[in-house]
Amino acid sequence: MSRRAYVPNIASARGSAVPRRSERRASSFKTCDAGFHGATTPTASSHLSNAVAATIAVGTLSLCAGVTLAVLAIKASLALPIPT
């Protein structure tokens, strides 16, 4: 016994729901709302923005210090002689 998936027939609705390409292009250029057209509106306080920036800066510096220590530790361990 084989089971088949149900696929609706959309051939009759093909041209009714989607406009033609030329209509889409013409309407997209007429009502173009994309981009930065207006004045900016701050959504958070400047103190919050500064706190987030400071947190990112501290996190970046600590990550950099950790990577530097790891590289130095690897270099120091490679410089040691191998015990025989």
PDB file of N, CA and C in Angstrom:
ATOM      1  N   MET A   1       0.847  -1.168   0.000  1.00  0.00           N
ATOM      2  CA  MET A   1       0.000   0.000   0.000  1.00  0.00           C
ATOM      3  C   MET A   1       0.905   1.247   0.000  1.00  0.00           C
ATOM      4  N   SER A   2       0.761   2.096  -1.005  1.00  0.00           N
ATOM      5  CA  SER A   2       1.599   3.292  -1.072  1.00  0.00           C
ATOM      6  C   SER A   2       0.783   4.517  -0.674  1.00  0.00           C
ATOM      7  N   ARG A   3       1.427   5.411  -0.004  1.00  0.00           N
ATOM      8  CA  ARG A   3       0.784   6.655   0.408  1.00  0.00           C
ATOM      9  C   ARG A   3       1.325   7.779  -0.450  1.00  0.00           C
ATOM     10  N   ARG A   4       0.446   8.644  -0.866  1.00  0.00           N
ATOM     11  CA  ARG A   4       0.858   9.771  -1.678  1.00  0.00           C
ATOM     12  C   ARG A   4       0.526  11.060  -0.942  1.00  0.00           C
ATOM     13  N   ALA A   5       1.373  12.017  -1.099  1.00  0.00           N
ATOM     14  CA  ALA A   5       1.150  13.307  -0.452  1.00  0.00           C
ATOM     15  C   ALA A   5       0.087  14.088  -1.206  1.00  0.00           C
ATOM     16  N   TYR A   6      -0.700  14.865  -0.485  1.00  0.00           N
ATOM     17  CA  TYR A   6      -1.721  15.703  -1.097  1.00  0.00           C
ATOM     18  C   TYR A   6      -1.080  17.004  -1.556  1.00  0.00           C
ATOM     19  N   VAL A   7      -1.182  17.291  -2.851  1.00  0.00           N
ATOM     20  CA  VAL A   7      -0.662  18.530  -3.412  1.00  0.00           C
ATOM     21  C   VAL A   7      -1.820  19.245  -4.085  1.00  0.00           C
ATOM     22  N   PRO A   8      -2.198  20.432  -3.605  1.00  0.00           N
ATOM     23  CA  PRO A   8      -3.338  21.123  -4.213  1.00  0.00           C
ATOM     24  C   PRO A   8      -3.006  21.607  -5.617  1.00  0.00           C
ATOM     25  N   ASN A   9      -3.995  21.697  -6.451  1.00  0.00           N
ATOM     26  CA  ASN A   9      -3.829  22.158  -7.817  1.00  0.00           C
ATOM     27  C   ASN A   9      -3.932  23.679  -7.822  1.00  0.00           C
ATOM     28  N   ILE A  10      -2.846  24.360  -8.163  1.00  0.00           N
ATOM     29  CA  ILE A  10      -2.849  25.824  -8.153  1.00  0.00           C
ATOM     30  C   ILE A  10      -2.714  26.390  -9.552  1.00  0.00           C
ATOM     31  N   ALA A  11      -2.937  25.577 -10.577  1.00  0.00           N
ATOM     32  CA  ALA A  11      -2.796  26.054 -11.953  1.00  0.00           C
ATOM     33  C   ALA A  11      -3.819  27.130 -12.285  1.00  0.00           C
ATOM     34  N   SER A  12      -5.019  27.044 -11.720  1.00  0.00           N
ATOM     35  CA  SER A  12      -6.042  28.037 -12.030  1.00  0.00           C
ATOM     36  C   SER A  12      -5.763  29.377 -11.365  1.00  0.00           C
ATOM     37  N   ALA A  13      -5.042  29.412 -10.288  1.00  0.00           N
ATOM     38  CA  ALA A  13      -4.766  30.652  -9.564  1.00  0.00           C
ATOM     39  C   ALA A  13      -3.422  31.252  -9.933  1.00  0.00           C
ATOM     40  N   ARG A  14      -2.805  30.750 -10.975  1.00  0.00           N
ATOM     41  CA  ARG A  14      -1.452  31.163 -11.300  1.00  0.00           C
ATOM     42  C   ARG A  14      -1.342  32.651 -11.631  1.00  0.00           C
ATOM     43  N   GLY A  15      -2.187  33.175 -12.494  1.00  0.00           N
ATOM     44  CA  GLY A  15      -2.070  34.566 -12.905  1.00  0.00           C
ATOM     45  C   GLY A  15      -2.861  35.537 -12.056  1.00  0.00           C
ATOM     46  N   SER A  16      -3.739  35.061 -11.226  1.00  0.00           N
ATOM     47  CA  SER A  16      -4.614  35.968 -10.494  1.00  0.00           C
ATOM     48  C   SER A  16      -3.961  36.560  -9.256  1.00  0.00           C
ATOM     49  N   ALA A  17      -3.081  35.830  -8.605  1.00  0.00           N
ATOM     50  CA  ALA A  17      -2.525  36.312  -7.344  1.00  0.00           C
ATOM     51  C   ALA A  17      -1.235  37.096  -7.533  1.00  0.00           C
ATOM     52  N   VAL A  18      -0.476  36.783  -8.561  1.00  0.00           N
ATOM     53  CA  VAL A  18       0.834  37.398  -8.750  1.00  0.00           C
ATOM     54  C   VAL A  18       0.766  38.359  -9.930  1.00  0.00           C
ATOM     55  N   PRO A  19       1.151  39.634  -9.743  1.00  0.00           N
ATOM     56  CA  PRO A  19       1.135  40.567 -10.867  1.00  0.00           C
ATOM     57  C   PRO A  19       2.230  40.233 -11.870  1.00  0.00           C
ATOM     58  N   ARG A  20       2.071  40.749 -13.064  1.00  0.00           N
ATOM     59  CA  ARG A  20       3.082  40.521 -14.102  1.00  0.00           C
ATOM     60  C   ARG A  20       4.382  41.191 -13.715  1.00  0.00           C
ATOM     61  N   ARG A  21       5.477  40.747 -14.363  1.00  0.00           N
ATOM     62  CA  ARG A  21       6.787  41.314 -14.028  1.00  0.00           C
ATOM     63  C   ARG A  21       6.846  42.807 -14.282  1.00  0.00           C
ATOM     64  N   SER A  22       6.325  43.241 -15.401  1.00  0.00           N
ATOM     65  CA  SER A  22       6.369  44.682 -15.711  1.00  0.00           C
ATOM     66  C   SER A  22       5.574  45.484 -14.683  1.00  0.00           C
ATOM     67  N   GLU A  23       4.452  44.941 -14.208  1.00  0.00           N
ATOM     68  CA  GLU A  23       3.673  45.635 -13.188  1.00  0.00           C
ATOM     69  C   GLU A  23       4.408  45.678 -11.865  1.00  0.00           C
ATOM     70  N   ARG A  24       5.110  44.596 -11.540  1.00  0.00           N
ATOM     71  CA  ARG A  24       5.867  44.583 -10.278  1.00  0.00           C
ATOM     72  C   ARG A  24       6.988  45.596 -10.325  1.00  0.00           C
ATOM     73  N   ARG A  25       7.716  45.655 -11.434  1.00  0.00           N
ATOM     74  CA  ARG A  25       8.823  46.605 -11.533  1.00  0.00           C
ATOM     75  C   ARG A  25       8.324  48.037 -11.450  1.00  0.00           C
ATOM     76  N   ALA A  26       7.275  48.353 -12.187  1.00  0.00           N
ATOM     77  CA  ALA A  26       6.768  49.721 -12.206  1.00  0.00           C
ATOM     78  C   ALA A  26       6.263  50.140 -10.830  1.00  0.00           C
ATOM     79  N   SER A  27       5.552  49.257 -10.159  1.00  0.00           N
ATOM     80  CA  SER A  27       5.021  49.625  -8.854  1.00  0.00           C
ATOM     81  C   SER A  27       6.114  49.699  -7.796  1.00  0.00           C
ATOM     82  N   SER A  28       7.180  48.905  -7.952  1.00  0.00           N
ATOM     83  CA  SER A  28       8.233  48.943  -6.937  1.00  0.00           C
ATOM     84  C   SER A  28       9.032  50.237  -7.004  1.00  0.00           C
ATOM     85  N   PHE A  29       9.161  50.817  -8.206  1.00  0.00           N
ATOM     86  CA  PHE A  29       9.885  52.076  -8.304  1.00  0.00           C
ATOM     87  C   PHE A  29       9.026  53.259  -7.884  1.00  0.00           C
ATOM     88  N   LYS A  30       7.735  53.145  -8.038  1.00  0.00           N
ATOM     89  CA  LYS A  30       6.850  54.250  -7.669  1.00  0.00           C
ATOM     90  C   LYS A  30       6.736  54.392  -6.155  1.00  0.00           C
ATOM     91  N   THR A  31       6.612  53.285  -5.467  1.00  0.00           N
ATOM     92  CA  THR A  31       6.410  53.324  -4.016  1.00  0.00           C
ATOM     93  C   THR A  31       7.621  52.741  -3.307  1.00  0.00           C
ATOM     94  N   CYS A  32       8.752  53.338  -3.533  1.00  0.00           N
ATOM     95  CA  CYS A  32       9.989  52.838  -2.933  1.00  0.00           C
ATOM     96  C   CYS A  32      10.149  53.445  -1.538  1.00  0.00           C
ATOM     97  N   ASP A  33       9.957  52.630  -0.512  1.00  0.00           N
ATOM     98  CA  ASP A  33      10.108  53.098   0.853  1.00  0.00           C
ATOM     99  C   ASP A  33      11.377  52.566   1.498  1.00  0.00           C
ATOM    100  N   ALA A  34      12.224  51.903   0.737  1.00  0.00           N
ATOM    101  CA  ALA A  34      13.433  51.316   1.301  1.00  0.00           C
ATOM    102  C   ALA A  34      14.501  52.383   1.475  1.00  0.00           C
ATOM    103  N   GLY A  35      15.401  52.149   2.410  1.00  0.00           N
ATOM    104  CA  GLY A  35      16.520  53.054   2.617  1.00  0.00           C
ATOM    105  C   GLY A  35      16.327  53.936   3.834  1.00  0.00           C
ATOM    106  N   PHE A  36      17.229  54.879   3.994  1.00  0.00           N
ATOM    107  CA  PHE A  36      17.209  55.788   5.128  1.00  0.00           C
ATOM    108  C   PHE A  36      16.776  57.159   4.621  1.00  0.00           C
ATOM    109  N   HIS A  37      15.484  57.440   4.700  1.00  0.00           N
ATOM    110  CA  HIS A  37      14.965  58.691   4.170  1.00  0.00           C
ATOM    111  C   HIS A  37      14.697  59.722   5.252  1.00  0.00           C
ATOM    112  N   GLY A  38      14.288  59.294   6.415  1.00  0.00           N
ATOM    113  CA  GLY A  38      13.891  60.240   7.452  1.00  0.00           C
ATOM    114  C   GLY A  38      14.977  60.458   8.480  1.00  0.00           C
ATOM    115  N   ALA A  39      14.647  61.291   9.454  1.00  0.00           N
ATOM    116  CA  ALA A  39      15.569  61.540  10.556  1.00  0.00           C
ATOM    117  C   ALA A  39      15.607  60.311  11.465  1.00  0.00           C
ATOM    118  N   THR A  40      16.724  60.096  12.096  1.00  0.00           N
ATOM    119  CA  THR A  40      16.852  58.939  12.981  1.00  0.00           C
ATOM    120  C   THR A  40      16.088  59.183  14.269  1.00  0.00           C
ATOM    121  N   THR A  41      15.547  58.129  14.808  1.00  0.00           N
ATOM    122  CA  THR A  41      14.819  58.194  16.062  1.00  0.00           C
ATOM    123  C   THR A  41      15.516  57.288  17.067  1.00  0.00           C
ATOM    124  N   PRO A  42      16.087  57.846  18.128  1.00  0.00           N
ATOM    125  CA  PRO A  42      16.750  56.981  19.107  1.00  0.00           C
ATOM    126  C   PRO A  42      15.733  56.113  19.829  1.00  0.00           C
ATOM    127  N   THR A  43      16.058  54.834  19.947  1.00  0.00           N
ATOM    128  CA  THR A  43      15.129  53.921  20.608  1.00  0.00           C
ATOM    129  C   THR A  43      15.601  53.535  21.998  1.00  0.00           C
ATOM    130  N   ALA A  44      16.825  53.834  22.344  1.00  0.00           N
ATOM    131  CA  ALA A  44      17.350  53.536  23.677  1.00  0.00           C
ATOM    132  C   ALA A  44      18.071  54.776  24.193  1.00  0.00           C
ATOM    133  N   SER A  45      18.259  54.818  25.502  1.00  0.00           N
ATOM    134  CA  SER A  45      18.933  55.980  26.074  1.00  0.00           C
ATOM    135  C   SER A  45      20.417  55.943  25.733  1.00  0.00           C
ATOM    136  N   SER A  46      21.030  57.105  25.780  1.00  0.00           N
ATOM    137  CA  SER A  46      22.453  57.178  25.468  1.00  0.00           C
ATOM    138  C   SER A  46      23.279  56.469  26.538  1.00  0.00           C
ATOM    139  N   HIS A  47      22.797  56.454  27.779  1.00  0.00           N
ATOM    140  CA  HIS A  47      23.516  55.747  28.846  1.00  0.00           C
ATOM    141  C   HIS A  47      23.532  54.241  28.573  1.00  0.00           C
ATOM    142  N   LEU A  48      22.416  53.722  28.085  1.00  0.00           N
ATOM    143  CA  LEU A  48      22.362  52.295  27.764  1.00  0.00           C
ATOM    144  C   LEU A  48      23.286  51.976  26.603  1.00  0.00           C
ATOM    145  N   SER A  49      23.302  52.822  25.586  1.00  0.00           N
ATOM    146  CA  SER A  49      24.189  52.612  24.442  1.00  0.00           C
ATOM    147  C   SER A  49      25.646  52.654  24.872  1.00  0.00           C
ATOM    148  N   ASN A  50      25.991  53.598  25.740  1.00  0.00           N
ATOM    149  CA  ASN A  50      27.368  53.688  26.229  1.00  0.00           C
ATOM    150  C   ASN A  50      27.735  52.475  27.074  1.00  0.00           C
ATOM    151  N   ALA A  51      26.784  51.986  27.867  1.00  0.00           N
ATOM    152  CA  ALA A  51      27.059  50.806  28.691  1.00  0.00           C
ATOM    153  C   ALA A  51      27.280  49.577  27.823  1.00  0.00           C
ATOM    154  N   VAL A  52      26.491  49.436  26.771  1.00  0.00           N
ATOM    155  CA  VAL A  52      26.666  48.295  25.858  1.00  0.00           C
ATOM    156  C   VAL A  52      27.999  48.399  25.143  1.00  0.00           C
ATOM    157  N   ALA A  53      28.364  49.593  24.684  1.00  0.00           N
ATOM    158  CA  ALA A  53      29.644  49.783  24.008  1.00  0.00           C
ATOM    159  C   ALA A  53      30.809  49.476  24.943  1.00  0.00           C
ATOM    160  N   ALA A  54      30.715  49.912  26.200  1.00  0.00           N
ATOM    161  CA  ALA A  54      31.785  49.635  27.166  1.00  0.00           C
ATOM    162  C   ALA A  54      31.883  48.140  27.458  1.00  0.00           C
ATOM    163  N   THR A  55      30.748  47.461  27.555  1.00  0.00           N
ATOM    164  CA  THR A  55      30.761  46.022  27.810  1.00  0.00           C
ATOM    165  C   THR A  55      31.399  45.266  26.649  1.00  0.00           C
ATOM    166  N   ILE A  56      31.077  45.674  25.437  1.00  0.00           N
ATOM    167  CA  ILE A  56      31.682  45.028  24.262  1.00  0.00           C
ATOM    168  C   ILE A  56      33.181  45.285  24.231  1.00  0.00           C
ATOM    169  N   ALA A  57      33.601  46.506  24.573  1.00  0.00           N
ATOM    170  CA  ALA A  57      35.034  46.830  24.577  1.00  0.00           C
ATOM    171  C   ALA A  57      35.784  46.013  25.618  1.00  0.00           C
ATOM    172  N   VAL A  58      35.222  45.891  26.827  1.00  0.00           N
ATOM    173  CA  VAL A  58      35.874  45.108  27.880  1.00  0.00           C
ATOM    174  C   VAL A  58      35.934  43.635  27.487  1.00  0.00           C
ATOM    175  N   GLY A  59      34.862  43.127  26.898  1.00  0.00           N
ATOM    176  CA  GLY A  59      34.857  41.738  26.454  1.00  0.00           C
ATOM    177  C   GLY A  59      35.883  41.478  25.370  1.00  0.00           C
ATOM    178  N   THR A  60      36.028  42.420  24.448  1.00  0.00           N
ATOM    179  CA  THR A  60      37.016  42.278  23.383  1.00  0.00           C
ATOM    180  C   THR A  60      38.430  42.293  23.937  1.00  0.00           C
ATOM    181  N   LEU A  61      38.690  43.193  24.861  1.00  0.00           N
ATOM    182  CA  LEU A  61      40.036  43.255  25.451  1.00  0.00           C
ATOM    183  C   LEU A  61      40.357  42.001  26.257  1.00  0.00           C
ATOM    184  N   SER A  62      39.381  41.476  26.990  1.00  0.00           N
ATOM    185  CA  SER A  62      39.646  40.270  27.768  1.00  0.00           C
ATOM    186  C   SER A  62      39.861  39.066  26.855  1.00  0.00           C
ATOM    187  N   LEU A  63      39.126  39.002  25.758  1.00  0.00           N
ATOM    188  CA  LEU A  63      39.340  37.920  24.798  1.00  0.00           C
ATOM    189  C   LEU A  63      40.726  38.024  24.171  1.00  0.00           C
ATOM    190  N   CYS A  64      41.143  39.226  23.844  1.00  0.00           N
ATOM    191  CA  CYS A  64      42.468  39.440  23.268  1.00  0.00           C
ATOM    192  C   CYS A  64      43.562  39.048  24.262  1.00  0.00           C
ATOM    193  N   ALA A  65      43.377  39.399  25.526  1.00  0.00           N
ATOM    194  CA  ALA A  65      44.360  39.031  26.551  1.00  0.00           C
ATOM    195  C   ALA A  65      44.404  37.514  26.731  1.00  0.00           C
ATOM    196  N   GLY A  66      43.272  36.860  26.694  1.00  0.00           N
ATOM    197  CA  GLY A  66      43.248  35.402  26.824  1.00  0.00           C
ATOM    198  C   GLY A  66      43.939  34.706  25.673  1.00  0.00           C
ATOM    199  N   VAL A  67      43.704  35.179  24.461  1.00  0.00           N
ATOM    200  CA  VAL A  67      44.370  34.584  23.290  1.00  0.00           C
ATOM    201  C   VAL A  67      45.875  34.820  23.366  1.00  0.00           C
ATOM    202  N   THR A  68      46.272  36.015  23.788  1.00  0.00           N
ATOM    203  CA  THR A  68      47.704  36.313  23.911  1.00  0.00           C
ATOM    204  C   THR A  68      48.357  35.397  24.933  1.00  0.00           C
ATOM    205  N   LEU A  69      47.719  35.200  26.074  1.00  0.00           N
ATOM    206  CA  LEU A  69      48.283  34.301  27.091  1.00  0.00           C
ATOM    207  C   LEU A  69      48.355  32.862  26.579  1.00  0.00           C
ATOM    208  N   ALA A  70      47.349  32.427  25.840  1.00  0.00           N
ATOM    209  CA  ALA A  70      47.365  31.069  25.295  1.00  0.00           C
ATOM    210  C   ALA A  70      48.503  30.895  24.302  1.00  0.00           C
ATOM    211  N   VAL A  71      48.722  31.883  23.438  1.00  0.00           N
ATOM    212  CA  VAL A  71      49.816  31.803  22.464  1.00  0.00           C
ATOM    213  C   VAL A  71      51.158  31.789  23.167  1.00  0.00           C
ATOM    214  N   LEU A  72      51.317  32.635  24.179  1.00  0.00           N
ATOM    215  CA  LEU A  72      52.584  32.657  24.917  1.00  0.00           C
ATOM    216  C   LEU A  72      52.817  31.343  25.654  1.00  0.00           C
ATOM    217  N   ALA A  73      51.765  30.751  26.214  1.00  0.00           N
ATOM    218  CA  ALA A  73      51.916  29.476  26.908  1.00  0.00           C
ATOM    219  C   ALA A  73      52.303  28.364  25.941  1.00  0.00           C
ATOM    220  N   ILE A  74      51.733  28.384  24.758  1.00  0.00           N
ATOM    221  CA  ILE A  74      52.090  27.368  23.760  1.00  0.00           C
ATOM    222  C   ILE A  74      53.530  27.546  23.314  1.00  0.00           C
ATOM    223  N   LYS A  75      53.931  28.792  23.080  1.00  0.00           N
ATOM    224  CA  LYS A  75      55.324  29.032  22.681  1.00  0.00           C
ATOM    225  C   LYS A  75      56.293  28.601  23.776  1.00  0.00           C
ATOM    226  N   ALA A  76      55.960  28.871  25.036  1.00  0.00           N
ATOM    227  CA  ALA A  76      56.840  28.484  26.142  1.00  0.00           C
ATOM    228  C   ALA A  76      56.923  26.968  26.268  1.00  0.00           C
ATOM    229  N   SER A  77      55.797  26.277  26.065  1.00  0.00           N
ATOM    230  CA  SER A  77      55.830  24.817  26.180  1.00  0.00           C
ATOM    231  C   SER A  77      56.581  24.186  25.012  1.00  0.00           C
ATOM    232  N   LEU A  78      56.552  24.799  23.852  1.00  0.00           N
ATOM    233  CA  LEU A  78      57.299  24.267  22.721  1.00  0.00           C
ATOM    234  C   LEU A  78      58.796  24.523  22.868  1.00  0.00           C
ATOM    235  N   ALA A  79      59.171  25.547  23.616  1.00  0.00           N
ATOM    236  CA  ALA A  79      60.575  25.851  23.813  1.00  0.00           C
ATOM    237  C   ALA A  79      61.245  24.916  24.810  1.00  0.00           C
ATOM    238  N   LEU A  80      60.448  24.209  25.624  1.00  0.00           N
ATOM    239  CA  LEU A  80      61.023  23.299  26.604  1.00  0.00           C
ATOM    240  C   LEU A  80      61.578  22.049  25.929  1.00  0.00           C
ATOM    241  N   PRO A  81      62.677  21.525  26.454  1.00  0.00           N
ATOM    242  CA  PRO A  81      63.212  20.289  25.853  1.00  0.00           C
ATOM    243  C   PRO A  81      62.318  19.101  26.180  1.00  0.00           C
ATOM    244  N   ILE A  82      62.293  18.140  25.301  1.00  0.00           N
ATOM    245  CA  ILE A  82      61.493  16.942  25.512  1.00  0.00           C
ATOM    246  C   ILE A  82      62.281  16.007  26.435  1.00  0.00           C
ATOM    247  N   PRO A  83      61.677  15.591  27.555  1.00  0.00           N
ATOM    248  CA  PRO A  83      62.396  14.690  28.470  1.00  0.00           C
ATOM    249  C   PRO A  83      62.534  13.293  27.858  1.00  0.00           C
ATOM    250  N   THR A  84      63.709  12.717  28.046  1.00  0.00           N
ATOM    251  CA  THR A  84      63.931  11.379  27.485  1.00  0.00           C
ATOM    252  C   THR A  84      64.077  10.343  28.568  1.00  0.00           C
TER     253      THR A  84
END
